[in-house]
Structures are given as C-alpha cells and as structure tokens.
Amino acid sequence: MLALDMVVLVLMAVGLVVFLGEPLVRRHASELLQSSSERELEQLTLQKETLYTAIHDLDFDYHTGKVDQHDYTELRHDLEEEAIQTLRQLDAVDPMAALDGELERQIAVLRQSHLPHPTREDGCPSCGARRQDDGNFCAYCGQSFRPA
C-alpha cells in the first residue's frame, strides 16, 4: 500500500512539472523557429510605430509652442525621410505588400468599370460618379458635394 502511494505521488509530481514547464519549453521552441525575416518584420514594424509616435509628438510640441518653426521643419523632414525608408524596407520584407498593391490596382479598375457616365452638372467632382438622390456625399468616394 505504501509503494502504491509513493507511485501516485511521483506521478503527480511529474505531471505537475510537465504541466508547469510545458509553456516555457514551447515558448523557447517557438522563438527558435521564428525566422530571421519574421524578426526583421517585427523590428521594422516597431521602428515604424516609433517614428509615427515621434512625428505625432513633434507636431504636438510645435503646436504648443515648445519647438520653433525652423527646428520643427527640419526635424519633421528628417523623421519623414526615416519613416519612408522604414516603409520601403517593410515592403521589401513583407510578403503581403505586393498583394496589397495588386489588390488596390484591381479595386481601382473595378471602380472605374462600374461607374455610371455622369453629365457634368450631376457628377461627383472627384471621381465622376453620378450623384444619387439628394445626398451630400458621393456614394463611391465620399467626396462632399457642398462647396468648402
């Protein structure tokens, strides 16, 4: 009877160790399996978000008078250039970037092929779609029909 109790206790201890240790081992294994392109994509995405935040903070500082016009213009230009480079690097690494561009192209083609041919006075000044009802905005592109 004592041996059976010992076996049960050992099995429970082993089960507890496996139960608690499995997530740690799985996380470590998944980190090893993560490819370098995934790490680069993650790093570039973080860099992009950091640059967007820096631009937002710079705009806020300028509007509150903490940064003068000359410094603002120079810093904003530098941040925008760095953001553009980061976005280009992201496009080169991200396999979905090419699909996004193709999807946008196909959407543009579909929109153009399904647009009615408006007359000059009842068409949208932005996309050329025929104005529907007495709406204030174009149903296709969202352009306001009211003068600004």
C-alpha atoms as a PDB file:
ATOM      1  CA  MET A   1       0.000   0.000   0.000  1.00  0.00           C
ATOM      2  CA  LEU A   2       2.837   2.380   0.824  1.00  0.00           C
ATOM      3  CA  ALA A   3       4.513   1.661  -2.525  1.00  0.00           C
ATOM      4  CA  LEU A   4       1.292   2.470  -4.377  1.00  0.00           C
ATOM      5  CA  ASP A   5       1.023   5.811  -2.544  1.00  0.00           C
ATOM      6  CA  MET A   6       4.634   6.616  -3.485  1.00  0.00           C
ATOM      7  CA  VAL A   7       3.989   5.802  -7.157  1.00  0.00           C
ATOM      8  CA  VAL A   8       0.899   8.052  -7.180  1.00  0.00           C
ATOM      9  CA  LEU A   9       2.848  10.897  -5.538  1.00  0.00           C
ATOM     10  CA  VAL A  10       5.713  10.555  -8.026  1.00  0.00           C
ATOM     11  CA  LEU A  11       3.285  10.518 -10.965  1.00  0.00           C
ATOM     12  CA  MET A  12       1.525  13.603  -9.619  1.00  0.00           C
ATOM     13  CA  ALA A  13       4.868  15.405  -9.179  1.00  0.00           C
ATOM     14  CA  VAL A  14       5.964  14.510 -12.717  1.00  0.00           C
ATOM     15  CA  GLY A  15       2.603  15.637 -14.097  1.00  0.00           C
ATOM     16  CA  LEU A  16       2.867  18.930 -12.222  1.00  0.00           C
ATOM     17  CA  VAL A  17       6.380  19.563 -13.552  1.00  0.00           C
ATOM     18  CA  VAL A  18       5.281  18.777 -17.111  1.00  0.00           C
ATOM     19  CA  PHE A  19       2.155  20.928 -16.756  1.00  0.00           C
ATOM     20  CA  LEU A  20       4.083  23.930 -15.448  1.00  0.00           C
ATOM     21  CA  GLY A  21       7.148  23.527 -17.635  1.00  0.00           C
ATOM     22  CA  GLU A  22       5.462  22.866 -20.980  1.00  0.00           C
ATOM     23  CA  PRO A  23       4.576  26.513 -21.771  1.00  0.00           C
ATOM     24  CA  LEU A  24       8.168  27.564 -21.073  1.00  0.00           C
ATOM     25  CA  VAL A  25       9.574  24.893 -23.355  1.00  0.00           C
ATOM     26  CA  ARG A  26       7.022  25.645 -26.071  1.00  0.00           C
ATOM     27  CA  ARG A  27       7.793  29.388 -25.954  1.00  0.00           C
ATOM     28  CA  HIS A  28      11.510  28.726 -26.240  1.00  0.00           C
ATOM     29  CA  ALA A  29      10.949  26.347 -29.153  1.00  0.00           C
ATOM     30  CA  SER A  30       8.757  28.853 -30.983  1.00  0.00           C
ATOM     31  CA  GLU A  31      11.415  31.542 -30.537  1.00  0.00           C
ATOM     32  CA  LEU A  32      13.944  29.223 -32.143  1.00  0.00           C
ATOM     33  CA  LEU A  33      11.604  28.514 -35.054  1.00  0.00           C
ATOM     34  CA  GLN A  34      10.902  32.184 -35.736  1.00  0.00           C
ATOM     35  CA  SER A  35      12.701  33.047 -38.941  1.00  0.00           C
ATOM     36  CA  SER A  36      15.008  35.979 -39.393  1.00  0.00           C
ATOM     37  CA  SER A  37      12.563  37.614 -41.816  1.00  0.00           C
ATOM     38  CA  GLU A  38       9.836  37.473 -39.156  1.00  0.00           C
ATOM     39  CA  ARG A  39      12.185  39.077 -36.634  1.00  0.00           C
ATOM     40  CA  GLU A  40      13.155  41.733 -39.175  1.00  0.00           C
ATOM     41  CA  LEU A  41       9.486  42.389 -39.972  1.00  0.00           C
ATOM     42  CA  GLU A  42       8.708  42.714 -36.267  1.00  0.00           C
ATOM     43  CA  GLN A  43      11.671  45.047 -35.726  1.00  0.00           C
ATOM     44  CA  LEU A  44      10.762  47.230 -38.719  1.00  0.00           C
ATOM     45  CA  THR A  45       7.128  47.424 -37.607  1.00  0.00           C
ATOM     46  CA  LEU A  46       8.249  48.553 -34.160  1.00  0.00           C
ATOM     47  CA  GLN A  47      10.564  51.124 -35.758  1.00  0.00           C
ATOM     48  CA  LYS A  48       7.683  52.402 -37.930  1.00  0.00           C
ATOM     49  CA  GLU A  49       5.403  52.816 -34.927  1.00  0.00           C
ATOM     50  CA  THR A  50       8.178  54.589 -33.013  1.00  0.00           C
ATOM     51  CA  LEU A  51       8.703  57.032 -35.880  1.00  0.00           C
ATOM     52  CA  TYR A  52       4.965  57.710 -36.179  1.00  0.00           C
ATOM     53  CA  THR A  53       4.848  58.437 -32.456  1.00  0.00           C
ATOM     54  CA  ALA A  54       7.870  60.753 -32.738  1.00  0.00           C
ATOM     55  CA  ILE A  55       6.202  62.669 -35.598  1.00  0.00           C
ATOM     56  CA  HIS A  56       2.983  62.950 -33.596  1.00  0.00           C
ATOM     57  CA  ASP A  57       4.889  64.184 -30.538  1.00  0.00           C
ATOM     58  CA  LEU A  58       6.832  66.689 -32.639  1.00  0.00           C
ATOM     59  CA  ASP A  59       3.583  68.045 -34.101  1.00  0.00           C
ATOM     60  CA  PHE A  60       2.165  68.395 -30.596  1.00  0.00           C
ATOM     61  CA  ASP A  61       5.294  70.160 -29.353  1.00  0.00           C
ATOM     62  CA  TYR A  62       5.188  72.550 -32.304  1.00  0.00           C
ATOM     63  CA  HIS A  63       1.515  73.398 -31.810  1.00  0.00           C
ATOM     64  CA  THR A  64       2.063  74.017 -28.103  1.00  0.00           C
ATOM     65  CA  GLY A  65       4.999  76.323 -28.824  1.00  0.00           C
ATOM     66  CA  LYS A  66       7.776  74.089 -27.478  1.00  0.00           C
ATOM     67  CA  VAL A  67       9.543  73.873 -30.863  1.00  0.00           C
ATOM     68  CA  ASP A  68      10.150  76.806 -33.206  1.00  0.00           C
ATOM     69  CA  GLN A  69       9.283  76.765 -36.924  1.00  0.00           C
ATOM     70  CA  HIS A  70      12.833  76.150 -38.211  1.00  0.00           C
ATOM     71  CA  ASP A  71      13.533  73.227 -35.873  1.00  0.00           C
ATOM     72  CA  TYR A  72      10.090  71.778 -36.487  1.00  0.00           C
ATOM     73  CA  THR A  73      10.514  71.834 -40.260  1.00  0.00           C
ATOM     74  CA  GLU A  74      13.965  70.265 -40.110  1.00  0.00           C
ATOM     75  CA  LEU A  75      13.069  67.588 -37.554  1.00  0.00           C
ATOM     76  CA  ARG A  76       9.812  66.717 -39.294  1.00  0.00           C
ATOM     77  CA  HIS A  77      11.613  66.319 -42.629  1.00  0.00           C
ATOM     78  CA  ASP A  78      14.234  64.039 -41.055  1.00  0.00           C
ATOM     79  CA  LEU A  79      11.600  61.903 -39.326  1.00  0.00           C
ATOM     80  CA  GLU A  80       9.534  61.642 -42.512  1.00  0.00           C
ATOM     81  CA  GLU A  81      12.596  60.556 -44.524  1.00  0.00           C
ATOM     82  CA  GLU A  82      13.416  57.887 -41.955  1.00  0.00           C
ATOM     83  CA  ALA A  83       9.783  56.714 -41.926  1.00  0.00           C
ATOM     84  CA  ILE A  84       9.782  56.464 -45.730  1.00  0.00           C
ATOM     85  CA  GLN A  85      12.944  54.352 -45.652  1.00  0.00           C
ATOM     86  CA  THR A  86      11.430  52.116 -42.976  1.00  0.00           C
ATOM     87  CA  LEU A  87       8.235  51.683 -45.005  1.00  0.00           C
ATOM     88  CA  ARG A  88      10.271  50.753 -48.079  1.00  0.00           C
ATOM     89  CA  GLN A  89      12.190  48.186 -46.037  1.00  0.00           C
ATOM     90  CA  LEU A  90       8.904  46.827 -44.696  1.00  0.00           C
ATOM     91  CA  ASP A  91       7.551  46.496 -48.229  1.00  0.00           C
ATOM     92  CA  ALA A  92      10.678  44.573 -49.236  1.00  0.00           C
ATOM     93  CA  VAL A  93      10.397  42.163 -46.285  1.00  0.00           C
ATOM     94  CA  ASP A  94       6.613  41.812 -46.015  1.00  0.00           C
ATOM     95  CA  PRO A  95       5.307  39.169 -48.439  1.00  0.00           C
ATOM     96  CA  MET A  96       1.833  40.695 -48.307  1.00  0.00           C
ATOM     97  CA  ALA A  97       2.969  44.126 -49.541  1.00  0.00           C
ATOM     98  CA  ALA A  98       2.957  43.060 -53.188  1.00  0.00           C
ATOM     99  CA  LEU A  99      -0.532  41.637 -52.742  1.00  0.00           C
ATOM    100  CA  ASP A 100      -1.740  44.917 -51.258  1.00  0.00           C
ATOM    101  CA  GLY A 101      -0.570  46.861 -54.304  1.00  0.00           C
ATOM    102  CA  GLU A 102      -2.181  44.411 -56.710  1.00  0.00           C
ATOM    103  CA  LEU A 103      -5.419  44.468 -54.711  1.00  0.00           C
ATOM    104  CA  GLU A 104      -5.524  48.278 -54.805  1.00  0.00           C
ATOM    105  CA  ARG A 105      -4.948  48.220 -58.573  1.00  0.00           C
ATOM    106  CA  GLN A 106      -7.772  45.727 -59.110  1.00  0.00           C
ATOM    107  CA  ILE A 107     -10.141  47.745 -56.905  1.00  0.00           C
ATOM    108  CA  ALA A 108      -9.386  50.882 -58.936  1.00  0.00           C
ATOM    109  CA  VAL A 109     -10.102  49.012 -62.182  1.00  0.00           C
ATOM    110  CA  LEU A 110     -13.404  47.681 -60.816  1.00  0.00           C
ATOM    111  CA  ARG A 111     -14.472  51.112 -59.585  1.00  0.00           C
ATOM    112  CA  GLN A 112     -13.766  52.680 -62.952  1.00  0.00           C
ATOM    113  CA  SER A 113     -15.597  49.964 -64.870  1.00  0.00           C
ATOM    114  CA  HIS A 114     -18.723  50.176 -62.672  1.00  0.00           C
ATOM    115  CA  LEU A 115     -19.050  53.946 -62.551  1.00  0.00           C
ATOM    116  CA  PRO A 116     -22.018  55.370 -64.426  1.00  0.00           C
ATOM    117  CA  HIS A 117     -21.226  58.018 -67.005  1.00  0.00           C
ATOM    118  CA  PRO A 118     -22.458  61.253 -65.431  1.00  0.00           C
ATOM    119  CA  THR A 119     -23.310  64.509 -67.005  1.00  0.00           C
ATOM    120  CA  ARG A 120     -21.157  67.436 -65.928  1.00  0.00           C
ATOM    121  CA  GLU A 121     -23.712  69.034 -63.581  1.00  0.00           C
ATOM    122  CA  ASP A 122     -24.822  65.909 -61.649  1.00  0.00           C
ATOM    123  CA  GLY A 123     -21.484  64.112 -61.324  1.00  0.00           C
ATOM    124  CA  CYS A 124     -19.036  63.934 -58.460  1.00  0.00           C
ATOM    125  CA  PRO A 125     -16.203  66.401 -58.997  1.00  0.00           C
ATOM    126  CA  SER A 126     -13.732  63.907 -57.557  1.00  0.00           C
ATOM    127  CA  CYS A 127     -14.472  60.527 -59.149  1.00  0.00           C
ATOM    128  CA  GLY A 128     -17.146  61.309 -61.751  1.00  0.00           C
ATOM    129  CA  ALA A 129     -19.823  59.058 -60.267  1.00  0.00           C
ATOM    130  CA  ARG A 130     -23.443  60.074 -60.814  1.00  0.00           C
ATOM    131  CA  ARG A 131     -24.988  61.810 -57.825  1.00  0.00           C
ATOM    132  CA  GLN A 132     -27.634  59.633 -56.195  1.00  0.00           C
ATOM    133  CA  ASP A 133     -30.691  61.194 -54.532  1.00  0.00           C
ATOM    134  CA  ASP A 134     -30.108  64.459 -52.747  1.00  0.00           C
ATOM    135  CA  GLY A 135     -27.164  63.177 -50.707  1.00  0.00           C
ATOM    136  CA  ASN A 136     -24.408  65.466 -49.528  1.00  0.00           C
ATOM    137  CA  PHE A 137     -21.609  62.980 -50.237  1.00  0.00           C
ATOM    138  CA  CYS A 138     -20.588  60.782 -53.168  1.00  0.00           C
ATOM    139  CA  ALA A 139     -21.626  57.157 -52.671  1.00  0.00           C
ATOM    140  CA  TYR A 140     -18.414  55.929 -54.345  1.00  0.00           C
ATOM    141  CA  CYS A 141     -15.572  58.066 -52.985  1.00  0.00           C
ATOM    142  CA  GLY A 142     -17.118  60.042 -50.103  1.00  0.00           C
ATOM    143  CA  GLN A 143     -16.391  63.466 -51.641  1.00  0.00           C
ATOM    144  CA  SER A 144     -18.648  66.210 -50.299  1.00  0.00           C
ATOM    145  CA  PHE A 145     -20.968  67.839 -52.828  1.00  0.00           C
ATOM    146  CA  ARG A 146     -21.096  71.019 -50.737  1.00  0.00           C
ATOM    147  CA  PRO A 147     -18.573  73.724 -51.546  1.00  0.00           C
ATOM    148  CA  ALA A 148     -15.845  74.027 -48.932  1.00  0.00           C
END
